[in-house]
Amino acid sequence: MTRYVVLVRAINVGARHAPMADLRAACEAVGFADVQSYIASGNLVLSAAQPAAEVEAKVEQIFAERYGFHADAIARTAAEWRSFLAAAAFAAEREARPTQIHLCLSKSPPLAAAAERLAERATLGERFIVQAEVLWADFAGGVGKSKITPSLLDRCVGSPVTSRNWNTVLKLAEMSSGTDRSAAG
């Protein structure tokens, strides 16, 4: 079994609601093991025998069948997650403003020009770097005030994107390493 971090995009926003306890149970019902969730915003850590693409498809199927809407799921192995941390951009900013530094994961590797295309649209000092097949974003002026919308991220990156702030990235790394079981409930 492989340990995965699975990010589900845009749930518990508006009418797109999935109770985390119910989602964990649904994941276990389709064969995933050691399923944990972290906060009510689509963060899962689980073990599966399937490759990442099949894990994503199963999670997306759960949303379609159980909750009645499509939600993109993006899965990475615990080892990949650790590599993202090792190559993380914006070191000083992560320390000073961890909620404004985001790891942006996409279904497919970001397009070569993604960071430049996003920088052209930045209005509040946002900065972007593509490293190790992920996009790092510094939302210096605040994520909520930024004009960099999810649809703009998708267009510039070339596939669906979901992002998590540095604090969440660290927590998911801890959970996927097996050292934290407190978030399972």
N, C-alpha and C. Protein backbone atom coordinates (compact mmCIF):
# COMPACT_ATOMS: atom_id res chain seq x y z
N MET A 1 0.85 -1.19 0.00
CA MET A 1 0.00 0.00 0.00
C MET A 1 0.89 1.25 0.00
N THR A 2 0.45 2.24 -0.73
CA THR A 2 1.15 3.52 -0.82
C THR A 2 0.38 4.56 -0.03
N ARG A 3 1.10 5.41 0.67
CA ARG A 3 0.48 6.51 1.42
C ARG A 3 0.36 7.70 0.49
N TYR A 4 -0.84 8.29 0.43
CA TYR A 4 -1.12 9.42 -0.46
C TYR A 4 -1.65 10.62 0.32
N VAL A 5 -1.34 11.79 -0.19
CA VAL A 5 -2.03 13.03 0.17
C VAL A 5 -2.95 13.32 -1.00
N VAL A 6 -4.24 13.48 -0.71
CA VAL A 6 -5.23 13.75 -1.75
C VAL A 6 -5.89 15.09 -1.44
N LEU A 7 -5.80 16.00 -2.38
CA LEU A 7 -6.44 17.30 -2.24
C LEU A 7 -7.67 17.32 -3.13
N VAL A 8 -8.81 17.66 -2.54
CA VAL A 8 -10.04 17.76 -3.30
C VAL A 8 -10.35 19.24 -3.44
N ARG A 9 -10.62 19.63 -4.65
CA ARG A 9 -10.77 21.04 -4.97
C ARG A 9 -12.17 21.56 -4.69
N ALA A 10 -12.22 22.71 -4.02
CA ALA A 10 -13.43 23.53 -3.86
C ALA A 10 -14.60 22.79 -3.24
N ILE A 11 -14.34 22.06 -2.17
CA ILE A 11 -15.48 21.49 -1.44
C ILE A 11 -15.69 22.28 -0.16
N ASN A 12 -16.88 22.15 0.39
CA ASN A 12 -17.30 22.91 1.57
C ASN A 12 -17.26 24.41 1.29
N VAL A 13 -17.56 24.73 0.03
CA VAL A 13 -17.70 26.11 -0.40
C VAL A 13 -19.09 26.21 -1.01
N GLY A 14 -19.93 27.04 -0.46
CA GLY A 14 -21.28 27.17 -0.98
C GLY A 14 -22.05 25.87 -0.84
N ALA A 15 -22.66 25.42 -1.92
CA ALA A 15 -23.48 24.21 -1.91
C ALA A 15 -22.65 22.94 -2.08
N ARG A 16 -21.36 23.08 -2.31
CA ARG A 16 -20.49 21.92 -2.55
C ARG A 16 -19.96 21.41 -1.20
N HIS A 17 -20.82 20.71 -0.47
CA HIS A 17 -20.50 20.32 0.89
C HIS A 17 -20.35 18.80 1.01
N ALA A 18 -19.33 18.38 1.74
CA ALA A 18 -19.12 16.95 2.03
C ALA A 18 -18.62 16.84 3.46
N PRO A 19 -19.43 16.31 4.36
CA PRO A 19 -18.97 16.15 5.74
C PRO A 19 -17.74 15.23 5.78
N MET A 20 -16.71 15.64 6.49
CA MET A 20 -15.46 14.90 6.48
C MET A 20 -15.59 13.48 7.04
N ALA A 21 -16.37 13.28 8.08
CA ALA A 21 -16.55 11.93 8.62
C ALA A 21 -17.20 11.02 7.58
N ASP A 22 -18.18 11.55 6.87
CA ASP A 22 -18.85 10.79 5.82
C ASP A 22 -17.89 10.50 4.67
N LEU A 23 -17.08 11.49 4.30
CA LEU A 23 -16.11 11.30 3.22
C LEU A 23 -15.08 10.24 3.60
N ARG A 24 -14.60 10.27 4.83
CA ARG A 24 -13.65 9.24 5.27
C ARG A 24 -14.28 7.85 5.17
N ALA A 25 -15.53 7.73 5.62
CA ALA A 25 -16.23 6.43 5.55
C ALA A 25 -16.40 5.99 4.10
N ALA A 26 -16.73 6.91 3.22
CA ALA A 26 -16.89 6.57 1.80
C ALA A 26 -15.57 6.10 1.19
N CYS A 27 -14.49 6.74 1.59
CA CYS A 27 -13.16 6.33 1.10
C CYS A 27 -12.81 4.93 1.59
N GLU A 28 -13.13 4.65 2.83
CA GLU A 28 -12.87 3.30 3.35
C GLU A 28 -13.74 2.27 2.65
N ALA A 29 -14.97 2.64 2.32
CA ALA A 29 -15.89 1.72 1.65
C ALA A 29 -15.41 1.32 0.25
N VAL A 30 -14.62 2.16 -0.41
CA VAL A 30 -14.10 1.82 -1.74
C VAL A 30 -12.72 1.17 -1.66
N GLY A 31 -12.25 0.90 -0.44
CA GLY A 31 -11.02 0.14 -0.30
C GLY A 31 -9.79 0.88 0.16
N PHE A 32 -9.89 2.18 0.41
CA PHE A 32 -8.75 2.90 0.94
C PHE A 32 -8.60 2.57 2.42
N ALA A 33 -7.38 2.65 2.93
CA ALA A 33 -7.11 2.34 4.33
C ALA A 33 -6.49 3.53 5.05
N ASP A 34 -6.57 3.49 6.37
CA ASP A 34 -5.95 4.53 7.21
C ASP A 34 -6.33 5.94 6.74
N VAL A 35 -7.59 6.15 6.48
CA VAL A 35 -8.07 7.42 5.92
C VAL A 35 -8.16 8.47 7.03
N GLN A 36 -7.53 9.61 6.78
CA GLN A 36 -7.59 10.75 7.68
C GLN A 36 -8.00 11.97 6.87
N SER A 37 -8.61 12.93 7.54
CA SER A 37 -8.91 14.21 6.91
C SER A 37 -8.35 15.31 7.80
N TYR A 38 -8.11 16.44 7.18
CA TYR A 38 -7.62 17.59 7.93
C TYR A 38 -8.44 18.80 7.56
N ILE A 39 -9.03 19.40 8.51
CA ILE A 39 -9.98 20.50 8.39
C ILE A 39 -11.00 20.22 7.29
N ALA A 40 -12.06 20.93 7.30
CA ALA A 40 -13.18 20.65 6.39
C ALA A 40 -13.00 21.33 5.04
N SER A 41 -11.86 21.04 4.39
CA SER A 41 -11.66 21.67 3.08
C SER A 41 -10.99 20.75 2.07
N GLY A 42 -11.28 19.46 2.16
CA GLY A 42 -10.84 18.55 1.12
C GLY A 42 -9.40 18.09 1.22
N ASN A 43 -8.90 17.90 2.42
CA ASN A 43 -7.55 17.37 2.62
C ASN A 43 -7.66 15.96 3.16
N LEU A 44 -7.18 14.99 2.39
CA LEU A 44 -7.22 13.60 2.81
C LEU A 44 -5.81 13.02 2.80
N VAL A 45 -5.57 12.12 3.73
CA VAL A 45 -4.37 11.30 3.72
C VAL A 45 -4.87 9.88 3.85
N LEU A 46 -4.42 9.01 2.95
CA LEU A 46 -4.93 7.63 2.93
C LEU A 46 -3.90 6.69 2.33
N SER A 47 -4.15 5.42 2.50
CA SER A 47 -3.30 4.39 1.90
C SER A 47 -4.12 3.65 0.85
N ALA A 48 -3.46 3.32 -0.27
CA ALA A 48 -4.15 2.64 -1.37
C ALA A 48 -3.16 1.77 -2.13
N ALA A 49 -3.68 0.72 -2.72
CA ALA A 49 -2.85 -0.18 -3.54
C ALA A 49 -2.77 0.31 -4.99
N GLN A 50 -3.60 1.27 -5.37
CA GLN A 50 -3.69 1.75 -6.75
C GLN A 50 -2.70 2.89 -6.99
N PRO A 51 -2.40 3.14 -8.27
CA PRO A 51 -1.60 4.32 -8.62
C PRO A 51 -2.41 5.60 -8.41
N ALA A 52 -1.73 6.72 -8.38
CA ALA A 52 -2.35 8.01 -8.07
C ALA A 52 -3.55 8.32 -8.96
N ALA A 53 -3.45 8.08 -10.25
CA ALA A 53 -4.56 8.39 -11.16
C ALA A 53 -5.83 7.62 -10.78
N GLU A 54 -5.68 6.38 -10.35
CA GLU A 54 -6.85 5.60 -9.94
C GLU A 54 -7.41 6.08 -8.61
N VAL A 55 -6.54 6.51 -7.71
CA VAL A 55 -7.00 7.09 -6.44
C VAL A 55 -7.82 8.34 -6.73
N GLU A 56 -7.31 9.21 -7.60
CA GLU A 56 -8.04 10.41 -7.97
C GLU A 56 -9.41 10.07 -8.55
N ALA A 57 -9.44 9.12 -9.47
CA ALA A 57 -10.70 8.74 -10.12
C ALA A 57 -11.71 8.20 -9.10
N LYS A 58 -11.24 7.40 -8.16
CA LYS A 58 -12.15 6.87 -7.14
C LYS A 58 -12.71 7.97 -6.25
N VAL A 59 -11.87 8.90 -5.84
CA VAL A 59 -12.34 10.01 -5.00
C VAL A 59 -13.32 10.87 -5.79
N GLU A 60 -13.03 11.16 -7.04
CA GLU A 60 -13.96 11.94 -7.87
C GLU A 60 -15.28 11.21 -8.04
N GLN A 61 -15.23 9.88 -8.18
CA GLN A 61 -16.46 9.08 -8.30
C GLN A 61 -17.29 9.17 -7.01
N ILE A 62 -16.63 9.15 -5.87
CA ILE A 62 -17.35 9.31 -4.60
C ILE A 62 -18.13 10.61 -4.61
N PHE A 63 -17.50 11.68 -5.04
CA PHE A 63 -18.19 12.98 -5.05
C PHE A 63 -19.36 12.99 -6.01
N ALA A 64 -19.18 12.42 -7.18
CA ALA A 64 -20.26 12.39 -8.16
C ALA A 64 -21.44 11.56 -7.66
N GLU A 65 -21.15 10.38 -7.13
CA GLU A 65 -22.23 9.46 -6.74
C GLU A 65 -22.85 9.81 -5.38
N ARG A 66 -22.04 10.21 -4.44
CA ARG A 66 -22.53 10.40 -3.07
C ARG A 66 -23.02 11.83 -2.80
N TYR A 67 -22.33 12.80 -3.41
CA TYR A 67 -22.66 14.20 -3.12
C TYR A 67 -23.29 14.93 -4.30
N GLY A 68 -23.28 14.32 -5.47
CA GLY A 68 -23.99 14.88 -6.61
C GLY A 68 -23.29 16.00 -7.34
N PHE A 69 -21.99 16.11 -7.20
CA PHE A 69 -21.26 17.13 -7.97
C PHE A 69 -19.85 16.63 -8.26
N HIS A 70 -19.25 17.21 -9.30
CA HIS A 70 -17.87 16.86 -9.64
C HIS A 70 -16.93 17.70 -8.79
N ALA A 71 -15.92 17.03 -8.26
CA ALA A 71 -14.84 17.73 -7.54
C ALA A 71 -13.54 17.10 -7.99
N ASP A 72 -12.62 17.91 -8.50
CA ASP A 72 -11.32 17.40 -8.92
C ASP A 72 -10.54 16.94 -7.70
N ALA A 73 -9.93 15.78 -7.80
CA ALA A 73 -9.04 15.25 -6.76
C ALA A 73 -7.64 15.15 -7.35
N ILE A 74 -6.66 15.55 -6.56
CA ILE A 74 -5.27 15.51 -6.98
C ILE A 74 -4.50 14.74 -5.91
N ALA A 75 -3.91 13.61 -6.30
CA ALA A 75 -3.22 12.74 -5.36
C ALA A 75 -1.71 12.75 -5.63
N ARG A 76 -0.96 12.80 -4.55
CA ARG A 76 0.50 12.67 -4.61
C ARG A 76 0.94 11.73 -3.50
N THR A 77 1.98 10.96 -3.75
CA THR A 77 2.47 10.05 -2.73
C THR A 77 3.10 10.85 -1.59
N ALA A 78 3.21 10.19 -0.44
CA ALA A 78 3.86 10.84 0.71
C ALA A 78 5.30 11.21 0.35
N ALA A 79 5.96 10.36 -0.42
CA ALA A 79 7.34 10.67 -0.84
C ALA A 79 7.38 11.91 -1.73
N GLU A 80 6.43 12.03 -2.66
CA GLU A 80 6.37 13.23 -3.50
C GLU A 80 6.11 14.45 -2.63
N TRP A 81 5.22 14.31 -1.66
CA TRP A 81 4.89 15.43 -0.77
C TRP A 81 6.15 15.91 -0.04
N ARG A 82 6.94 14.95 0.46
CA ARG A 82 8.19 15.33 1.15
C ARG A 82 9.13 16.04 0.19
N SER A 83 9.15 15.60 -1.07
CA SER A 83 10.03 16.27 -2.04
C SER A 83 9.58 17.70 -2.31
N PHE A 84 8.26 17.95 -2.26
CA PHE A 84 7.78 19.32 -2.42
C PHE A 84 8.29 20.20 -1.29
N LEU A 85 8.26 19.67 -0.07
CA LEU A 85 8.76 20.43 1.07
C LEU A 85 10.25 20.72 0.93
N ALA A 86 11.00 19.73 0.49
CA ALA A 86 12.44 19.90 0.35
C ALA A 86 12.80 20.96 -0.69
N ALA A 87 11.96 21.11 -1.71
CA ALA A 87 12.23 22.06 -2.80
C ALA A 87 11.33 23.30 -2.72
N ALA A 88 10.72 23.53 -1.59
CA ALA A 88 9.76 24.63 -1.46
C ALA A 88 10.40 25.99 -1.73
N ALA A 89 9.65 26.82 -2.40
CA ALA A 89 10.09 28.18 -2.72
C ALA A 89 9.74 29.13 -1.57
N PHE A 90 10.28 30.32 -1.66
CA PHE A 90 9.94 31.43 -0.76
C PHE A 90 10.26 31.12 0.71
N ALA A 91 11.49 30.73 0.99
CA ALA A 91 11.89 30.31 2.35
C ALA A 91 11.62 31.40 3.39
N ALA A 92 12.09 32.59 3.18
CA ALA A 92 11.90 33.65 4.18
C ALA A 92 10.42 33.99 4.34
N GLU A 93 9.70 34.01 3.25
CA GLU A 93 8.28 34.33 3.29
C GLU A 93 7.48 33.24 4.00
N ARG A 94 7.87 31.97 3.81
CA ARG A 94 7.18 30.87 4.50
C ARG A 94 7.28 31.06 6.01
N GLU A 95 8.43 31.50 6.46
CA GLU A 95 8.64 31.73 7.90
C GLU A 95 7.83 32.93 8.39
N ALA A 96 7.83 33.99 7.63
CA ALA A 96 7.18 35.24 8.06
C ALA A 96 5.67 35.24 7.82
N ARG A 97 5.22 34.64 6.70
CA ARG A 97 3.80 34.70 6.31
C ARG A 97 3.32 33.36 5.80
N PRO A 98 3.27 32.33 6.65
CA PRO A 98 2.96 30.98 6.17
C PRO A 98 1.58 30.83 5.54
N THR A 99 0.62 31.65 5.91
CA THR A 99 -0.71 31.52 5.32
C THR A 99 -0.81 32.17 3.94
N GLN A 100 0.21 32.91 3.56
CA GLN A 100 0.18 33.55 2.24
C GLN A 100 1.04 32.82 1.20
N ILE A 101 1.78 31.82 1.64
CA ILE A 101 2.56 31.00 0.72
C ILE A 101 1.77 29.73 0.44
N HIS A 102 1.53 29.46 -0.84
CA HIS A 102 0.69 28.34 -1.23
C HIS A 102 1.40 27.38 -2.17
N LEU A 103 1.19 26.10 -1.90
CA LEU A 103 1.57 25.05 -2.83
C LEU A 103 0.35 24.84 -3.71
N CYS A 104 0.52 25.02 -5.01
CA CYS A 104 -0.57 24.87 -5.97
C CYS A 104 -0.31 23.61 -6.79
N LEU A 105 -1.13 22.59 -6.55
CA LEU A 105 -1.00 21.33 -7.27
C LEU A 105 -1.97 21.30 -8.43
N SER A 106 -1.52 20.75 -9.53
CA SER A 106 -2.36 20.65 -10.72
C SER A 106 -2.43 19.20 -11.17
N LYS A 107 -3.49 18.89 -11.90
CA LYS A 107 -3.68 17.54 -12.42
C LYS A 107 -2.49 17.12 -13.28
N SER A 108 -2.02 18.01 -14.12
CA SER A 108 -0.87 17.77 -14.98
C SER A 108 0.23 18.74 -14.59
N PRO A 109 1.48 18.43 -14.93
CA PRO A 109 2.55 19.38 -14.60
C PRO A 109 2.24 20.76 -15.18
N PRO A 110 2.58 21.82 -14.44
CA PRO A 110 2.31 23.18 -14.94
C PRO A 110 2.99 23.46 -16.27
N LEU A 111 2.32 24.22 -17.11
CA LEU A 111 2.92 24.66 -18.37
C LEU A 111 4.19 25.45 -18.08
N ALA A 112 5.13 25.42 -19.00
CA ALA A 112 6.41 26.09 -18.80
C ALA A 112 6.27 27.58 -18.50
N ALA A 113 5.29 28.22 -19.12
CA ALA A 113 5.11 29.66 -18.96
C ALA A 113 4.12 30.03 -17.85
N ALA A 114 3.70 29.07 -17.04
CA ALA A 114 2.65 29.34 -16.05
C ALA A 114 3.01 30.47 -15.10
N ALA A 115 4.20 30.45 -14.53
CA ALA A 115 4.58 31.49 -13.55
C ALA A 115 4.61 32.86 -14.21
N GLU A 116 5.13 32.93 -15.41
CA GLU A 116 5.20 34.21 -16.10
C GLU A 116 3.80 34.74 -16.45
N ARG A 117 2.94 33.85 -16.92
CA ARG A 117 1.58 34.26 -17.28
C ARG A 117 0.82 34.77 -16.05
N LEU A 118 1.01 34.11 -14.91
CA LEU A 118 0.35 34.56 -13.69
C LEU A 118 0.95 35.87 -13.20
N ALA A 119 2.25 36.01 -13.28
CA ALA A 119 2.91 37.25 -12.83
C ALA A 119 2.42 38.45 -13.63
N GLU A 120 2.12 38.25 -14.89
CA GLU A 120 1.60 39.34 -15.73
C GLU A 120 0.25 39.85 -15.21
N ARG A 121 -0.47 39.02 -14.49
CA ARG A 121 -1.80 39.38 -14.00
C ARG A 121 -1.81 39.75 -12.51
N ALA A 122 -0.65 39.69 -11.89
CA ALA A 122 -0.54 40.01 -10.46
C ALA A 122 -0.76 41.50 -10.23
N THR A 123 -1.59 41.82 -9.25
CA THR A 123 -1.87 43.22 -8.94
C THR A 123 -1.53 43.58 -7.50
N LEU A 124 -1.26 42.58 -6.66
CA LEU A 124 -0.98 42.83 -5.24
C LEU A 124 0.36 42.26 -4.81
N GLY A 125 1.32 42.25 -5.71
CA GLY A 125 2.64 41.75 -5.37
C GLY A 125 2.76 40.24 -5.36
N GLU A 126 1.80 39.54 -5.93
CA GLU A 126 1.87 38.08 -5.99
C GLU A 126 3.09 37.66 -6.83
N ARG A 127 3.71 36.58 -6.39
CA ARG A 127 4.84 36.01 -7.13
C ARG A 127 4.62 34.51 -7.29
N PHE A 128 5.17 33.96 -8.36
CA PHE A 128 4.95 32.55 -8.69
C PHE A 128 6.25 31.92 -9.16
N ILE A 129 6.44 30.66 -8.73
CA ILE A 129 7.61 29.89 -9.14
C ILE A 129 7.16 28.45 -9.40
N VAL A 130 7.59 27.89 -10.53
CA VAL A 130 7.35 26.48 -10.80
C VAL A 130 8.63 25.74 -10.45
N GLN A 131 8.50 24.76 -9.55
CA GLN A 131 9.62 23.92 -9.12
C GLN A 131 9.11 22.51 -8.91
N ALA A 132 9.86 21.54 -9.37
CA ALA A 132 9.55 20.13 -9.14
C ALA A 132 8.10 19.80 -9.52
N GLU A 133 7.66 20.31 -10.64
CA GLU A 133 6.32 20.06 -11.19
C GLU A 133 5.18 20.57 -10.33
N VAL A 134 5.45 21.56 -9.48
CA VAL A 134 4.38 22.23 -8.74
C VAL A 134 4.59 23.74 -8.86
N LEU A 135 3.51 24.45 -8.63
CA LEU A 135 3.55 25.91 -8.65
C LEU A 135 3.52 26.40 -7.20
N TRP A 136 4.44 27.27 -6.87
CA TRP A 136 4.44 27.93 -5.56
C TRP A 136 3.97 29.36 -5.77
N ALA A 137 3.10 29.81 -4.89
CA ALA A 137 2.55 31.17 -5.00
C ALA A 137 2.78 31.92 -3.69
N ASP A 138 3.20 33.16 -3.83
CA ASP A 138 3.30 34.08 -2.70
C ASP A 138 2.21 35.11 -2.89
N PHE A 139 1.14 34.96 -2.10
CA PHE A 139 0.03 35.92 -2.15
C PHE A 139 0.29 37.01 -1.12
N ALA A 140 1.28 37.84 -1.41
CA ALA A 140 1.77 38.84 -0.46
C ALA A 140 0.68 39.78 0.02
N GLY A 141 -0.27 40.10 -0.83
CA GLY A 141 -1.34 41.02 -0.45
C GLY A 141 -2.56 40.32 0.13
N GLY A 142 -2.46 39.01 0.30
CA GLY A 142 -3.57 38.23 0.84
C GLY A 142 -4.31 37.48 -0.25
N VAL A 143 -4.60 36.22 0.01
CA VAL A 143 -5.28 35.38 -0.98
C VAL A 143 -6.67 35.93 -1.27
N GLY A 144 -7.38 36.33 -0.25
CA GLY A 144 -8.75 36.81 -0.42
C GLY A 144 -8.88 38.07 -1.25
N LYS A 145 -7.82 38.86 -1.30
CA LYS A 145 -7.84 40.11 -2.06
C LYS A 145 -7.27 39.96 -3.47
N SER A 146 -6.62 38.85 -3.73
CA SER A 146 -5.94 38.65 -5.01
C SER A 146 -6.94 38.51 -6.15
N LYS A 147 -6.54 38.99 -7.30
CA LYS A 147 -7.32 38.85 -8.53
C LYS A 147 -6.94 37.55 -9.27
N ILE A 148 -6.04 36.77 -8.69
CA ILE A 148 -5.65 35.48 -9.26
C ILE A 148 -6.71 34.47 -8.84
N THR A 149 -7.67 34.24 -9.69
CA THR A 149 -8.81 33.38 -9.39
C THR A 149 -8.48 31.92 -9.70
N PRO A 150 -9.27 30.99 -9.17
CA PRO A 150 -9.05 29.59 -9.52
C PRO A 150 -9.12 29.33 -11.02
N SER A 151 -10.04 29.96 -11.73
CA SER A 151 -10.13 29.73 -13.17
C SER A 151 -8.90 30.29 -13.90
N LEU A 152 -8.37 31.41 -13.43
CA LEU A 152 -7.15 31.96 -14.03
C LEU A 152 -5.97 31.02 -13.76
N LEU A 153 -5.87 30.50 -12.56
CA LEU A 153 -4.82 29.52 -12.26
C LEU A 153 -4.91 28.33 -13.21
N ASP A 154 -6.11 27.79 -13.37
CA ASP A 154 -6.32 26.64 -14.27
C ASP A 154 -5.84 26.96 -15.69
N ARG A 155 -6.24 28.11 -16.20
CA ARG A 155 -5.88 28.48 -17.58
C ARG A 155 -4.37 28.64 -17.73
N CYS A 156 -3.74 29.32 -16.80
CA CYS A 156 -2.30 29.57 -16.91
C CYS A 156 -1.47 28.31 -16.67
N VAL A 157 -1.93 27.45 -15.80
CA VAL A 157 -1.19 26.22 -15.47
C VAL A 157 -1.47 25.14 -16.51
N GLY A 158 -2.67 25.12 -17.07
CA GLY A 158 -3.00 24.16 -18.12
C GLY A 158 -3.83 22.99 -17.69
N SER A 159 -4.22 22.92 -16.43
CA SER A 159 -5.09 21.86 -15.92
C SER A 159 -5.65 22.32 -14.57
N PRO A 160 -6.66 21.61 -14.04
CA PRO A 160 -7.23 22.01 -12.76
C PRO A 160 -6.17 22.09 -11.65
N VAL A 161 -6.30 23.14 -10.83
CA VAL A 161 -5.35 23.44 -9.76
C VAL A 161 -6.11 23.56 -8.45
N THR A 162 -5.50 23.10 -7.38
CA THR A 162 -5.98 23.40 -6.04
C THR A 162 -4.77 23.75 -5.20
N SER A 163 -4.94 24.62 -4.24
CA SER A 163 -3.78 25.08 -3.47
C SER A 163 -4.05 24.99 -1.98
N ARG A 164 -2.94 24.87 -1.23
CA ARG A 164 -2.99 24.85 0.23
C ARG A 164 -1.89 25.73 0.77
N ASN A 165 -2.17 26.41 1.88
CA ASN A 165 -1.15 27.28 2.45
C ASN A 165 -0.06 26.46 3.14
N TRP A 166 1.04 27.13 3.45
CA TRP A 166 2.21 26.45 3.99
C TRP A 166 1.90 25.70 5.28
N ASN A 167 1.09 26.27 6.15
CA ASN A 167 0.74 25.57 7.39
C ASN A 167 0.04 24.24 7.09
N THR A 168 -0.87 24.25 6.14
CA THR A 168 -1.58 23.02 5.76
C THR A 168 -0.63 22.04 5.09
N VAL A 169 0.26 22.53 4.24
CA VAL A 169 1.25 21.67 3.59
C VAL A 169 2.07 20.93 4.65
N LEU A 170 2.51 21.65 5.68
CA LEU A 170 3.29 21.02 6.75
C LEU A 170 2.48 19.99 7.51
N LYS A 171 1.23 20.31 7.83
CA LYS A 171 0.38 19.38 8.57
C LYS A 171 0.13 18.12 7.75
N LEU A 172 -0.11 18.24 6.46
CA LEU A 172 -0.33 17.07 5.62
C LEU A 172 0.94 16.22 5.50
N ALA A 173 2.10 16.86 5.50
CA ALA A 173 3.36 16.12 5.50
C ALA A 173 3.49 15.30 6.78
N GLU A 174 3.15 15.91 7.89
CA GLU A 174 3.21 15.22 9.18
C GLU A 174 2.24 14.04 9.19
N MET A 175 1.02 14.26 8.73
CA MET A 175 0.03 13.20 8.69
C MET A 175 0.45 12.07 7.77
N SER A 176 0.99 12.40 6.62
CA SER A 176 1.34 11.36 5.64
C SER A 176 2.58 10.56 6.06
N SER A 177 3.35 11.12 6.98
CA SER A 177 4.52 10.38 7.47
C SER A 177 4.13 9.37 8.53
N GLY A 178 2.88 9.45 9.00
CA GLY A 178 2.42 8.51 10.01
C GLY A 178 2.68 8.95 11.42
N THR A 179 3.19 10.17 11.60
CA THR A 179 3.51 10.62 12.96
C THR A 179 2.36 11.33 13.64
N ASP A 180 1.27 11.61 12.91
CA ASP A 180 0.15 12.33 13.51
C ASP A 180 -1.15 11.61 13.20
N ARG A 181 -1.81 11.13 14.21
CA ARG A 181 -3.12 10.49 14.05
C ARG A 181 -4.22 11.37 14.63
N SER A 182 -3.88 12.53 15.15
CA SER A 182 -4.88 13.38 15.83
C SER A 182 -5.91 13.95 14.88
N ALA A 183 -5.60 14.09 13.62
CA ALA A 183 -6.52 14.72 12.67
C ALA A 183 -7.52 13.75 12.07
N ALA A 184 -7.49 12.50 12.48
CA ALA A 184 -8.37 11.49 11.87
C ALA A 184 -9.84 11.69 12.21
N GLY A 185 -10.16 12.43 13.22
CA GLY A 185 -11.55 12.54 13.66
C GLY A 185 -12.29 13.69 13.13
